[in-house]
Structure formats: C-alpha cells, structure tokens
C-alpha cells in the first residue's frame, strides 16, 4: 500500500501524541518505520506501510522515489522542551545505546566526530540539522506546531473539521523537569537554540507568564 502521508519530526517532539490523535480519529496511521531503519529495511517495510506513517527516523529517506507522491509534514514542538527531554533521557550522553544518536551519527556528516560525548551541544545541533535535513531531502514540507492543539492538528494534517477525539495531553511524557535553560548552555549552543526558537515562532519578547501559555516556563527560555 503506498504511503499517502508521512509525518516526521524530532525524537521527543510530540509524534506519539499525533499518532494517537490520528488513530483515535479513525485514520489508518502506523509506526512502521522504527529506530532500526536502514535503506534496505525501509524498502522492505514499504510493503506493509499504512496510508499515514508517523516516524522521526524516516527523515534521511524522504528523497526516495517511492515517496515522490507522498505529502510530508514536519511536526514541531518547542525546541527547549525537546532539548530538555533528550538531555533527561540521556540520548546523547554516549553512555548507553541510543537510536537517536545512532541515526544522527549515521546521517549527519561530521556530527559524531565533533559532538560525541557532548550531550547538550549534540542535542542542540540535532534539533537544527534534523529539521534542515528534512527540508533538504524533500521540498515542500509543511511545518506544523504540536502546540496548536488537537483541532488545528487534525484539520492541518487531514483537512477534517470534525471534533477531535480526546487524547491525554501527557502521552509519551517523560515527566522531566525543564531545568536545562539557555543560560546553562555553551555560548554556541545558546546562540543556536535562540535562533531556532525565533525562526520557528516560539520566541517570547516580553515577560508575561500567563497561565494559559502552554510552552512558557520562564524568561530565560524565550525572552
């Protein structure tokens, strides 16, 4: 079955929530492309793929001929939250096997040589370069922020105006405290993450800690 729609993004970037939202809304959404993905296994898995596939690991293969007619979306999540989650889980600490680190080292030239054993710096560079890789491998990708909420997500991804199903907002939550602030990063990493939050529309220009602001933590994040 050809994949009609592909939803990609960062690890820890809200893709689990998006997958549950789609399946509960009745869409044929799968997680066929897992962390063991290679070019050979990708071509084999295409035979069992769903109409909609959700995966952060398929980004390096977006230019494959089999996906030429597939619509592709990149799900965004506040980069500071993703950074904290990656750091909390130790994905770039180089102390245990990590699918995120392995696929980044395999597909981001020079990444392993420079950032191995530098977890916070590696996570910042991963966020920037994984997004760039997706847009380099495939023109016309639509970025969509998970913070827009379930109704906007469902409409943006499927065109449906139907009321969205209820999905627990903390699905796939690690429960980690958001303690890694820009001020705790190296100068280069702080500059990189600041550029990213500005570019993606997460920058806050004034100190306004209103209760309804889903991604707001403190002024050091986005001010």
Protein backbone atom coordinates (compact mmCIF):
# COMPACT_ATOMS: atom_id res chain seq x y z
CA UNK A 1 0.00 0.00 0.00
CA UNK A 2 1.53 3.37 -0.98
CA UNK A 3 2.13 5.84 1.84
CA UNK A 4 -0.14 8.81 1.15
CA UNK A 5 1.07 10.93 4.03
CA UNK A 6 4.25 10.95 6.09
CA UNK A 7 4.53 12.78 9.40
CA UNK A 8 8.08 13.28 10.61
CA UNK A 9 9.81 15.33 13.28
CA UNK A 10 12.23 15.11 16.18
CA UNK A 11 12.50 12.32 18.69
CA UNK A 12 10.66 13.51 21.82
CA UNK A 13 8.93 16.03 19.56
CA UNK A 14 5.26 15.10 20.01
CA UNK A 15 4.93 12.43 17.33
CA UNK A 16 3.46 9.90 19.76
CA UNK A 17 0.66 12.33 20.56
CA UNK A 18 0.00 12.95 16.86
CA UNK A 19 -0.14 9.22 16.14
CA UNK A 20 -2.70 8.62 18.90
CA UNK A 21 -4.76 11.59 17.75
CA UNK A 22 -4.95 10.22 14.21
CA UNK A 23 -5.71 6.63 15.18
CA UNK A 24 -8.41 7.65 17.66
CA UNK A 25 -9.94 9.82 14.93
CA UNK A 26 -10.22 6.71 12.76
CA UNK A 27 -7.30 7.20 10.39
CA UNK A 28 -5.03 4.39 9.18
CA UNK A 29 -1.88 5.67 10.86
CA UNK A 30 1.11 3.45 11.57
CA UNK A 31 4.55 3.38 13.17
CA UNK A 32 6.15 1.08 10.62
CA UNK A 33 9.48 2.91 10.30
CA UNK A 34 11.25 2.33 13.61
CA UNK A 35 14.70 3.04 15.05
CA UNK A 36 16.33 0.14 13.20
CA UNK A 37 15.62 1.76 9.85
CA UNK A 38 18.16 1.39 7.03
CA UNK A 39 17.76 1.91 3.31
CA UNK A 40 17.28 -1.82 2.81
CA UNK A 41 14.72 -2.23 5.61
CA UNK A 42 12.94 0.94 4.51
CA UNK A 43 12.26 -0.52 1.07
CA UNK A 44 11.01 -3.77 2.62
CA UNK A 45 8.78 -2.00 5.15
CA UNK A 46 7.08 -0.02 2.38
CA UNK A 47 5.13 -3.17 1.51
CA UNK A 48 3.44 -3.22 4.93
CA UNK A 49 3.18 0.53 5.48
CA UNK A 50 -0.07 2.30 6.38
CA UNK A 51 -1.68 5.14 4.42
CA UNK A 52 -0.35 7.53 7.05
CA UNK A 53 3.00 6.86 8.67
CA UNK A 54 4.48 8.65 11.68
CA UNK A 55 8.23 8.42 12.30
CA UNK A 56 11.21 10.60 13.20
CA UNK A 57 13.60 8.02 11.74
CA UNK A 58 12.48 8.24 8.11
CA UNK A 59 13.82 11.78 7.57
CA UNK A 60 17.02 10.63 5.77
CA UNK A 61 14.91 8.73 3.22
CA UNK A 62 12.48 11.49 2.26
CA UNK A 63 14.02 11.77 -1.22
CA UNK A 64 13.30 8.10 -2.00
CA UNK A 65 11.46 7.61 -5.29
CA UNK A 66 8.69 5.62 -3.55
CA UNK A 67 7.70 8.77 -1.65
CA UNK A 68 7.54 11.15 -4.60
CA UNK A 69 3.73 11.46 -4.36
CA UNK A 70 3.59 11.41 -0.56
CA UNK A 71 2.59 14.51 1.41
CA UNK A 72 5.11 15.23 4.15
CA UNK A 73 4.63 17.19 7.37
CA UNK A 74 7.27 18.06 9.98
CA UNK A 75 5.79 18.26 13.48
CA UNK A 76 7.41 20.95 15.59
CA UNK A 77 7.49 21.14 19.38
CA UNK A 78 9.04 23.87 21.49
CA UNK A 79 12.78 23.21 20.92
CA UNK A 80 13.59 23.92 24.57
CA UNK A 81 11.18 21.21 25.70
CA UNK A 82 12.61 18.73 23.19
CA UNK A 83 16.14 19.64 24.27
CA UNK A 84 15.27 19.02 27.92
CA UNK A 85 13.65 15.69 27.12
CA UNK A 86 16.59 14.49 25.01
CA UNK A 87 19.01 15.51 27.76
CA UNK A 88 16.90 13.97 30.54
CA UNK A 89 16.74 10.62 28.76
CA UNK A 90 20.48 10.63 28.09
CA UNK A 91 20.11 10.12 24.36
CA UNK A 92 23.36 11.93 23.57
CA UNK A 93 25.33 11.12 26.72
CA UNK A 94 27.15 8.28 24.91
CA UNK A 95 26.78 6.02 27.98
CA UNK A 96 24.23 3.57 26.57
CA UNK A 97 22.85 2.65 23.12
CA UNK A 98 20.56 5.33 21.71
CA UNK A 99 18.59 5.08 18.48
CA UNK A 100 18.52 8.87 18.23
CA UNK A 101 22.28 9.13 18.49
CA UNK A 102 22.89 6.21 16.13
CA UNK A 103 20.75 7.55 13.30
CA UNK A 104 22.12 11.08 13.78
CA UNK A 105 25.70 9.83 13.64
CA UNK A 106 24.85 7.83 10.50
CA UNK A 107 23.15 10.59 8.53
CA UNK A 108 24.56 13.93 9.75
CA UNK A 109 28.09 14.33 8.31
CA UNK A 110 30.73 15.15 10.91
CA UNK A 111 28.22 15.06 13.77
CA UNK A 112 29.77 12.09 15.59
CA UNK A 113 33.34 13.39 15.39
CA UNK A 114 32.50 16.78 16.87
CA UNK A 115 29.67 16.12 19.32
CA UNK A 116 30.20 12.61 20.69
CA UNK A 117 30.17 12.85 24.49
CA UNK A 118 28.79 16.41 24.48
CA UNK A 119 25.10 15.77 25.27
CA UNK A 120 23.63 19.26 25.47
CA UNK A 121 25.60 20.54 22.47
CA UNK A 122 24.74 17.43 20.46
CA UNK A 123 21.02 17.80 21.23
CA UNK A 124 21.00 21.44 20.11
CA UNK A 125 22.77 20.63 16.85
CA UNK A 126 20.48 17.62 16.28
CA UNK A 127 17.40 19.85 16.51
CA UNK A 128 18.76 22.27 13.93
CA UNK A 129 20.28 19.80 11.50
CA UNK A 130 17.45 17.21 11.59
CA UNK A 131 14.97 19.91 10.57
CA UNK A 132 17.35 21.12 7.86
CA UNK A 133 17.91 17.56 6.63
CA UNK A 134 14.16 17.03 6.24
CA UNK A 135 13.76 20.19 4.18
CA UNK A 136 16.87 19.41 2.13
CA UNK A 137 15.74 15.88 1.30
CA UNK A 138 12.20 16.94 0.45
CA UNK A 139 10.89 20.24 -0.93
CA UNK A 140 7.50 21.48 0.11
CA UNK A 141 7.42 20.04 3.63
CA UNK A 142 4.84 21.76 5.81
CA UNK A 143 5.92 22.57 9.38
CA UNK A 144 3.14 22.23 11.96
CA UNK A 145 3.42 23.06 15.66
CA UNK A 146 2.01 20.46 18.04
CA UNK A 147 1.10 23.29 20.44
CA UNK A 148 -1.60 24.45 18.02
CA UNK A 149 -3.86 21.88 19.66
CA UNK A 150 -5.79 18.78 18.55
CA UNK A 151 -8.45 20.50 16.42
CA UNK A 152 -5.87 22.50 14.45
CA UNK A 153 -3.61 19.46 14.12
CA UNK A 154 -6.40 17.26 12.81
CA UNK A 155 -7.52 19.89 10.32
CA UNK A 156 -3.99 20.72 9.21
CA UNK A 157 -2.94 17.10 8.73
CA UNK A 158 -6.16 15.67 7.28
CA UNK A 159 -8.37 18.61 6.28
CA UNK A 160 -11.09 17.39 8.67
CA UNK A 161 -13.22 19.85 10.59
CA UNK A 162 -14.67 17.10 12.79
CA UNK A 163 -14.32 17.49 16.56
CA UNK A 164 -11.04 15.84 17.59
CA UNK A 165 -11.04 12.80 19.87
CA UNK A 166 -9.68 13.16 23.39
CA UNK A 167 -6.04 12.19 23.78
CA UNK A 168 -4.26 12.54 27.09
CA UNK A 169 -2.01 15.61 26.67
CA UNK A 170 0.83 13.92 28.55
CA UNK A 171 1.08 10.91 26.23
CA UNK A 172 4.75 9.89 25.94
CA UNK A 173 5.61 12.43 28.64
CA UNK A 174 8.90 11.73 30.39
CA UNK A 175 7.96 13.75 33.45
CA UNK A 176 11.31 15.51 33.32
CA UNK A 177 11.78 18.89 34.92
CA UNK A 178 12.56 21.65 32.47
CA UNK A 179 15.85 22.57 34.11
CA UNK A 180 18.17 22.97 31.13
CA UNK A 181 17.97 26.70 30.42
CA UNK A 182 19.71 28.65 27.66
CA UNK A 183 21.91 30.32 30.28
CA UNK A 184 23.31 26.89 31.21
CA UNK A 185 24.41 26.12 27.66
CA UNK A 186 27.71 26.95 25.98
CA UNK A 187 27.75 30.21 24.04
CA UNK A 188 27.48 28.45 20.66
CA UNK A 189 24.61 26.23 21.81
CA UNK A 190 22.78 29.16 23.38
CA UNK A 191 23.07 31.12 20.14
CA UNK A 192 21.89 28.14 18.07
CA UNK A 193 18.84 27.35 20.22
CA UNK A 194 17.88 31.04 20.41
CA UNK A 195 17.98 31.30 16.61
CA UNK A 196 15.83 28.18 16.37
CA UNK A 197 13.09 29.33 18.73
CA UNK A 198 12.94 32.67 16.91
CA UNK A 199 12.79 31.06 13.47
CA UNK A 200 10.05 28.60 14.50
CA UNK A 201 7.90 31.19 16.26
CA UNK A 202 8.48 30.18 19.86
CA UNK A 203 10.23 33.39 20.90
CA UNK A 204 8.56 35.50 23.59
CA UNK A 205 9.60 39.13 23.56
CA UNK A 206 8.25 40.21 26.93
CA UNK A 207 7.89 38.81 30.44
CA UNK A 208 4.22 37.76 30.51
CA UNK A 209 3.87 34.49 32.45
CA UNK A 210 0.17 33.94 31.78
CA UNK A 211 -1.33 30.68 32.97
CA UNK A 212 -2.69 29.63 29.59
CA UNK A 213 0.67 29.73 27.81
CA UNK A 214 1.32 26.03 27.15
CA UNK A 215 5.05 26.23 26.44
CA UNK A 216 6.05 29.08 28.71
CA UNK A 217 8.39 28.25 31.59
CA UNK A 218 10.42 31.33 32.50
CA UNK A 219 12.01 34.37 30.94
CA UNK A 220 15.33 32.64 30.33
CA UNK A 221 13.64 30.34 27.83
CA UNK A 222 12.20 32.75 25.30
CA UNK A 223 12.88 36.33 26.38
